[in-house]
Protein backbone atom coordinates (compact mmCIF):
# COMPACT_ATOMS: atom_id res chain seq x y z
CA MET A 1 25.33 1.25 34.16
CA THR A 2 27.22 3.25 36.55
CA ASP A 3 24.82 5.18 38.74
CA THR A 4 26.79 6.89 41.25
CA LYS A 5 23.75 8.47 42.40
CA ARG A 6 25.03 12.15 42.75
CA ARG A 7 21.85 13.82 43.06
CA SER A 8 20.81 17.47 42.73
CA SER A 9 21.32 19.41 46.04
CA ARG A 10 18.11 19.31 47.54
CA ALA A 11 16.56 17.54 50.58
CA LEU A 12 14.71 14.18 49.95
CA PHE A 13 11.41 14.19 50.64
CA SER A 14 8.77 11.34 50.92
CA PRO A 15 6.31 11.92 47.71
CA ILE A 16 3.51 13.43 49.61
CA LEU A 17 5.73 15.80 51.93
CA LEU A 18 7.68 16.97 49.08
CA SER A 19 3.86 17.73 47.05
CA ALA A 20 2.83 19.64 50.30
CA SER A 21 5.85 21.80 50.52
CA LEU A 22 6.37 22.56 46.69
CA LEU A 23 2.09 23.45 47.09
CA ILE A 24 2.16 25.66 49.65
CA ALA A 25 5.11 27.44 47.85
CA GLY A 26 3.22 27.03 44.67
CA LYS A 27 -0.21 28.71 45.97
CA VAL A 28 1.87 31.64 48.05
CA LEU A 29 3.74 32.80 44.65
CA ALA A 30 0.71 32.50 42.54
CA GLN A 31 -1.55 35.00 43.92
CA GLY A 32 -1.86 37.62 41.74
CA ASP A 33 -0.99 38.26 38.34
CA TYR A 34 2.50 36.59 37.55
CA GLU A 35 4.89 38.94 36.02
CA VAL A 36 7.82 36.32 33.81
CA PRO A 37 11.25 37.78 34.89
CA ARG A 38 13.15 38.46 32.02
CA THR A 39 17.02 38.16 31.05
CA GLU A 40 18.95 41.25 30.30
CA TRP A 41 18.08 41.18 26.37
CA GLY A 42 14.66 41.24 27.43
CA GLN A 43 13.23 37.19 26.77
CA PRO A 44 11.47 35.24 29.23
CA ASP A 45 14.51 33.88 32.21
CA LEU A 46 13.59 29.92 32.06
CA GLN A 47 17.32 29.83 33.27
CA GLY A 48 18.03 27.18 36.47
CA VAL A 49 17.52 23.62 37.18
CA TRP A 50 13.97 22.23 36.80
CA ASN A 51 12.63 18.82 38.04
CA PHE A 52 9.66 16.64 35.49
CA SER A 53 9.30 13.99 38.28
CA SER A 54 5.71 13.39 37.90
CA ASN A 55 3.60 9.54 39.42
CA VAL A 56 0.76 10.65 36.99
CA PRO A 57 0.57 7.98 34.13
CA MET A 58 1.51 8.90 30.66
CA GLN A 59 -1.59 7.58 29.55
CA ARG A 60 -4.81 7.74 31.03
CA PRO A 61 -6.66 4.99 32.66
CA ALA A 62 -10.25 4.71 31.24
CA GLN A 63 -12.23 5.44 34.21
CA TYR A 64 -11.34 8.92 34.00
CA GLY A 65 -12.78 9.06 30.07
CA THR A 66 -11.94 12.81 28.86
CA ARG A 67 -11.61 14.58 32.64
CA GLN A 68 -8.07 15.78 32.55
CA PHE A 69 -7.52 16.30 36.56
CA LEU A 70 -8.49 14.65 39.41
CA SER A 71 -10.65 15.95 42.34
CA ALA A 72 -9.55 17.06 45.59
CA ALA A 73 -10.86 13.97 46.65
CA GLU A 74 -9.16 11.41 44.64
CA ILE A 75 -5.84 13.23 45.69
CA GLU A 76 -6.11 12.48 49.04
CA GLU A 77 -7.45 9.04 48.41
CA ILE A 78 -4.31 7.83 46.19
CA GLU A 79 -1.95 9.58 48.88
CA ALA A 80 -3.49 7.51 51.67
CA ARG A 81 -3.48 4.62 49.71
CA ARG A 82 0.45 5.39 48.59
CA ALA A 83 1.22 5.70 52.43
CA ALA A 84 -0.12 3.22 53.49
CA ALA A 85 1.55 0.84 50.88
CA ASP A 86 5.00 2.59 51.99
CA ALA A 87 3.91 1.49 55.38
CA SER A 88 3.78 -2.31 54.51
CA SER A 89 6.50 -2.51 52.03
CA ASP A 90 9.53 -1.17 54.46
CA GLY A 91 10.72 0.74 51.06
CA ALA A 92 11.31 -2.60 49.34
CA LEU A 93 10.56 -3.25 45.46
CA ALA A 94 9.00 -6.62 44.43
CA ILE A 95 11.97 -7.54 42.00
CA GLU A 96 14.70 -9.71 44.02
CA GLY A 97 17.97 -11.24 43.44
CA VAL A 98 20.07 -10.33 40.36
CA ASP A 99 17.42 -8.95 38.21
CA GLU A 100 16.37 -6.29 41.54
CA SER A 101 16.94 -2.22 40.71
CA TYR A 102 17.02 -0.29 43.37
CA ASN A 103 14.55 0.61 46.80
CA ASP A 104 12.71 3.43 47.19
CA PHE A 105 15.10 5.53 48.55
CA TRP A 106 16.58 6.29 45.32
CA ILE A 107 12.97 6.55 43.62
CA GLU A 108 11.83 10.21 42.96
CA ASN A 109 8.64 10.11 41.22
CA ALA A 110 6.35 12.36 43.46
CA GLY A 111 3.98 14.79 42.12
CA ILE A 112 3.90 18.29 42.18
CA GLY A 113 1.73 21.14 42.00
CA GLU A 114 -1.75 22.04 42.88
CA LEU A 115 -3.81 20.22 39.90
CA VAL A 116 -2.93 16.60 39.49
CA ARG A 117 -3.41 15.40 35.94
CA THR A 118 -5.25 12.32 35.13
CA SER A 119 -2.44 11.66 32.60
CA HIS A 120 0.44 13.63 30.64
CA ILE A 121 -1.56 12.94 27.44
CA VAL A 122 -3.81 15.70 26.84
CA TYR A 123 -4.03 14.76 22.95
CA PRO A 124 -6.23 13.08 21.82
CA GLU A 125 -8.70 13.88 24.45
CA ASN A 126 -9.05 10.59 25.71
CA GLY A 127 -5.84 10.49 27.03
CA GLN A 128 -4.51 7.48 25.09
CA LEU A 129 -1.50 7.47 22.45
CA PRO A 130 -3.09 7.03 18.74
CA ASP A 131 -3.10 3.61 16.94
CA LEU A 132 -0.15 2.46 15.65
CA VAL A 133 0.15 2.95 11.67
CA GLU A 134 -0.21 -0.70 10.30
CA GLY A 135 3.80 -2.46 9.97
CA ALA A 136 4.74 0.13 12.63
CA VAL A 137 7.27 -1.80 14.99
CA ALA A 138 5.61 -2.21 18.47
CA ARG A 139 7.56 -3.64 20.71
CA GLN A 140 11.29 -3.53 20.74
CA GLY A 141 12.59 -5.17 23.98
CA MET A 142 12.46 -6.21 27.35
CA TYR A 143 14.08 -5.87 30.91
CA GLY A 144 16.06 -8.57 32.27
CA GLY A 145 18.04 -11.19 30.14
CA ALA A 146 15.29 -13.16 28.50
CA THR A 147 15.59 -13.38 24.59
CA THR A 148 12.85 -11.82 22.59
CA GLY A 149 13.78 -13.20 19.05
CA GLU A 150 13.34 -9.72 17.92
CA SER A 151 16.00 -8.57 15.53
CA ARG A 152 18.76 -5.38 16.11
CA PRO A 153 18.83 -2.59 16.23
CA VAL A 154 17.90 -2.27 19.32
CA ARG A 155 15.78 0.75 19.85
CA ILE A 156 14.11 1.24 23.03
CA ALA A 157 16.12 3.37 25.88
CA ALA A 158 16.36 0.55 28.52
CA GLY A 159 15.76 -3.09 28.61
CA GLY A 160 16.85 -5.50 25.53
CA ILE A 161 16.18 -8.37 23.52
CA GLY A 162 19.12 -10.66 24.67
CA THR A 163 22.66 -10.67 26.07
CA ASP A 164 24.84 -12.07 23.75
CA GLY A 165 26.49 -8.94 22.92
CA PRO A 166 26.32 -4.97 24.16
CA GLU A 167 24.22 -4.80 20.99
CA ASP A 168 21.42 -6.46 21.93
CA ARG A 169 21.05 -4.11 24.80
CA GLY A 170 19.15 -1.15 25.09
CA LEU A 171 20.38 2.55 24.35
CA SER A 172 20.88 3.75 27.99
CA GLU A 173 22.29 0.84 28.75
CA ARG A 174 24.88 1.54 25.98
CA CYS A 175 24.93 5.37 26.88
CA LEU A 176 23.62 6.49 23.99
CA ILE A 177 20.53 8.19 25.34
CA GLY A 178 19.45 8.78 28.32
CA PHE A 179 16.07 6.74 28.76
CA ASN A 180 14.00 10.16 30.06
CA ALA A 181 16.51 12.36 28.21
CA GLY A 182 14.33 11.81 25.05
CA PRO A 183 13.49 14.35 23.45
CA PRO A 184 11.06 14.72 24.80
CA PHE A 185 11.47 14.78 28.65
CA VAL A 186 9.28 11.20 30.12
CA PRO A 187 9.59 11.33 34.10
CA SER A 188 11.03 7.93 35.21
CA LEU A 189 11.88 6.32 38.53
CA TYR A 190 14.93 8.84 39.03
CA ASN A 191 17.14 12.02 37.76
CA ASN A 192 14.39 13.86 35.73
CA ASN A 193 16.45 17.00 35.60
CA VAL A 194 17.42 19.80 33.18
CA GLN A 195 19.20 22.53 33.47
CA ILE A 196 18.50 25.15 31.26
CA PHE A 197 21.32 27.72 29.73
CA GLN A 198 20.00 31.30 27.77
CA SER A 199 21.98 33.66 25.79
CA ARG A 200 20.51 35.98 23.17
CA ASP A 201 20.81 33.18 19.86
CA ILE A 202 20.82 30.43 22.01
CA THR A 203 19.26 28.17 24.65
CA VAL A 204 21.03 24.69 25.97
CA LEU A 205 19.02 22.37 27.48
CA LEU A 206 21.30 20.14 29.51
CA THR A 207 19.66 16.98 30.98
CA GLU A 208 21.13 15.41 33.99
CA MET A 209 20.91 11.42 32.03
CA ILE A 210 24.03 10.93 30.41
CA HIS A 211 24.54 15.00 30.83
CA ASP A 212 23.20 15.46 27.02
CA ALA A 213 22.92 19.16 25.99
CA ARG A 214 20.76 20.34 23.41
CA ILE A 215 22.42 23.41 21.74
CA VAL A 216 19.16 25.43 20.09
CA PRO A 217 19.88 28.09 18.18
CA LEU A 218 16.86 30.56 18.33
CA TYR A 219 15.12 32.29 14.96
CA ASP A 220 12.69 35.19 14.84
CA SER A 221 10.28 32.87 14.33
CA ALA A 222 8.83 29.45 12.93
CA ALA A 223 9.21 30.61 9.26
CA ASP A 224 13.10 31.90 10.00
CA ILE A 225 13.81 28.54 11.21
CA GLN A 226 16.98 26.79 8.48
CA ALA A 227 16.63 23.13 9.40
CA LEU A 228 19.57 20.36 8.52
CA ASP A 229 19.52 18.52 5.39
CA SER A 230 17.34 15.94 5.43
CA GLU A 231 20.16 13.33 5.06
CA VAL A 232 21.39 14.32 7.59
CA GLY A 233 20.19 12.14 11.13
CA LEU A 234 21.13 12.60 15.22
CA TRP A 235 20.13 10.36 17.84
CA THR A 236 18.29 12.96 19.93
CA GLY A 237 17.56 14.87 16.68
CA ASP A 238 18.37 18.77 15.27
CA SER A 239 16.66 21.36 17.30
CA ARG A 240 16.06 24.88 16.47
CA GLY A 241 13.77 27.42 18.02
CA TYR A 242 12.10 30.78 18.65
CA TRP A 243 9.54 32.84 20.70
CA ASP A 244 6.30 32.73 20.64
CA GLY A 245 5.14 35.23 23.04
CA ASP A 246 6.58 34.30 26.49
CA THR A 247 6.58 30.99 25.25
CA LEU A 248 10.31 29.20 23.99
CA VAL A 249 9.19 26.74 21.32
CA VAL A 250 11.69 23.96 20.07
CA VAL A 251 11.17 22.53 16.99
CA THR A 252 13.18 18.77 16.55
CA ARG A 253 13.76 17.18 13.05
CA ASN A 254 16.49 14.83 11.75
CA PHE A 255 16.25 11.95 14.14
CA ASN A 256 18.75 9.06 12.95
CA GLY A 257 16.04 6.40 13.14
CA LEU A 258 17.96 4.28 15.79
CA SER A 259 15.80 5.17 18.55
CA ALA A 260 11.87 4.52 18.97
CA SER A 261 9.84 7.13 18.13
CA PHE A 262 8.21 7.21 21.37
CA GLY A 263 8.14 4.33 23.86
CA GLN A 264 8.80 1.47 22.26
CA ALA A 265 6.73 2.00 19.32
CA GLY A 266 8.42 3.47 15.66
CA THR A 267 11.49 4.36 14.58
CA SER A 268 12.06 8.31 14.99
CA ALA A 269 13.26 8.25 11.38
CA GLY A 270 9.82 10.57 10.60
CA LYS A 271 9.20 11.80 13.63
CA LEU A 272 8.85 16.09 14.32
CA LEU A 273 9.08 16.87 17.81
CA THR A 274 7.73 20.58 18.97
CA GLU A 275 8.09 21.46 22.76
CA ARG A 276 6.71 24.31 23.86
CA PHE A 277 8.21 25.91 27.23
CA THR A 278 6.27 28.58 29.62
CA ARG A 279 7.13 29.89 32.94
CA VAL A 280 3.55 29.89 34.62
CA ASP A 281 4.97 30.94 38.26
CA GLU A 282 8.44 31.26 40.17
CA LEU A 283 8.55 27.78 40.63
CA THR A 284 7.13 26.21 37.81
CA VAL A 285 7.61 25.75 33.80
CA ASP A 286 4.64 24.37 32.02
CA TYR A 287 6.83 21.92 29.32
CA GLU A 288 4.06 20.43 26.33
CA PHE A 289 5.32 18.31 23.91
CA THR A 290 3.38 17.81 20.57
CA VAL A 291 4.74 13.97 18.60
CA GLU A 292 4.19 14.13 14.73
CA ASP A 293 5.46 10.78 13.11
CA PRO A 294 2.89 9.24 10.39
CA ALA A 295 5.04 6.62 9.93
CA THR A 296 4.18 5.46 13.30
CA PHE A 297 1.08 7.03 14.27
CA THR A 298 -2.19 7.57 13.44
CA ASP A 299 -2.49 10.87 14.71
CA ARG A 300 -0.11 13.64 16.39
CA PHE A 301 -0.56 13.82 20.34
CA THR A 302 0.16 16.04 22.91
CA GLY A 303 1.26 15.82 26.50
CA ILE A 304 2.33 18.38 29.50
CA VAL A 305 4.51 17.67 32.02
CA PRO A 306 4.95 20.21 34.72
CA MET A 307 8.68 21.12 35.47
CA THR A 308 9.48 22.48 39.21
CA LYS A 309 12.47 24.95 40.38
CA VAL A 310 14.97 23.24 41.86
CA GLY A 311 17.00 24.94 44.63
CA GLY A 312 20.52 23.36 43.78
CA LEU A 313 22.77 21.95 41.26
CA LEU A 314 23.16 19.67 38.29
CA TYR A 315 26.05 17.34 38.87
CA GLU A 316 27.49 15.08 36.16
CA TYR A 317 25.83 11.26 35.53
CA ALA A 318 28.34 9.11 34.81
CA CYS A 319 27.62 6.49 32.04
CA HIS A 320 30.28 5.69 29.69
CA GLU A 321 32.94 6.81 32.22
CA GLY A 322 32.87 3.56 33.88
CA ASN A 323 30.02 1.55 32.41
CA TYR A 324 30.87 -1.69 34.45
CA GLY A 325 26.88 -2.59 34.65
CA MET A 326 27.18 -3.57 30.64
CA VAL A 327 30.35 -5.91 31.39
CA ASN A 328 28.35 -7.61 34.29
CA ILE A 329 25.33 -7.79 32.76
CA LEU A 330 27.06 -10.00 29.81
CA ARG A 331 29.60 -11.56 32.41
CA GLY A 332 26.38 -12.77 33.93
CA ALA A 333 24.76 -14.40 30.93
CA ARG A 334 28.30 -16.29 30.20
CA ALA A 335 27.98 -17.30 33.65
CA GLN A 336 24.48 -18.55 33.21
CA GLU A 337 25.15 -20.24 30.18
CA ARG A 338 27.70 -22.75 31.76
CA ARG A 339 25.61 -23.41 35.02
CA ASP A 340 22.59 -24.46 32.56
CA ALA A 341 25.37 -26.39 30.10
CA GLU A 342 26.48 -28.05 33.71
CA GLY A 343 23.06 -29.03 34.31
CA ARG A 344 23.14 -26.72 38.06
């Protein structure tokens, strides 16, 4: 996959410096009662480029129990440990050779904000994904070139089940969907940006990864939403929205079943996704998502990911437009097979 690395025009801080700079600004702006800015037709103004980078785990480590936030002492300890690790590693990743991904220069997973969560999942209360329904697909591929023995279609975003053909590779490697764009948005190593456009009747959610635009028609209420026929299936589902006070609610159905429900689990065909966008200060939109998929999970689950305002533009992420990564994956596999046949 081509990644031209054309990033939003903002400085590349270290995780700690980025956290500190935005934290200070957030504290200043949070003083007093925040009044949400409005568009000319009176809706809360969510327009702009927002970053959902995070180094918070999606699921909560067991030692935190049901506690949602880290203490100040725990945050300080974690930052010190990360700084020491960065200083000793010279910015190099552990993976080397043809399987090497990127060095730390390209990684943007800084924790941003004053309150650092123990996990993004907030329901169930233990911060863990619910158990899988009996018979639900639990694992659908892996990184690298190894073959897993699993069958097509490959529903995961990144990785794959083999290298016999492009159909064996993950959906983001095939440039069908982004590996962090979802929906829902899931923080990843880089390119965690979304631009929001608004008109009175439509909101557009444009993600950086594979520059996918979700066009969301707006209705007066949840009861007024006119969903597509259930026989229609789309890669990223069909999104319809409404305003609940100052919160934009986006309800997405009609996933085509050719992607995972969440992570590597399930098939998405029966998934119902509800997203809530609430601007809480000048720099922050609280992004909350709830997944309901009774064919995959035994309960619904909810996650919260803060999104931080970016002072710059969103540039195109080129994928299909020069996807030599896929060609090179397959070419490398054939070269390895020749070497193996020759006993080298």
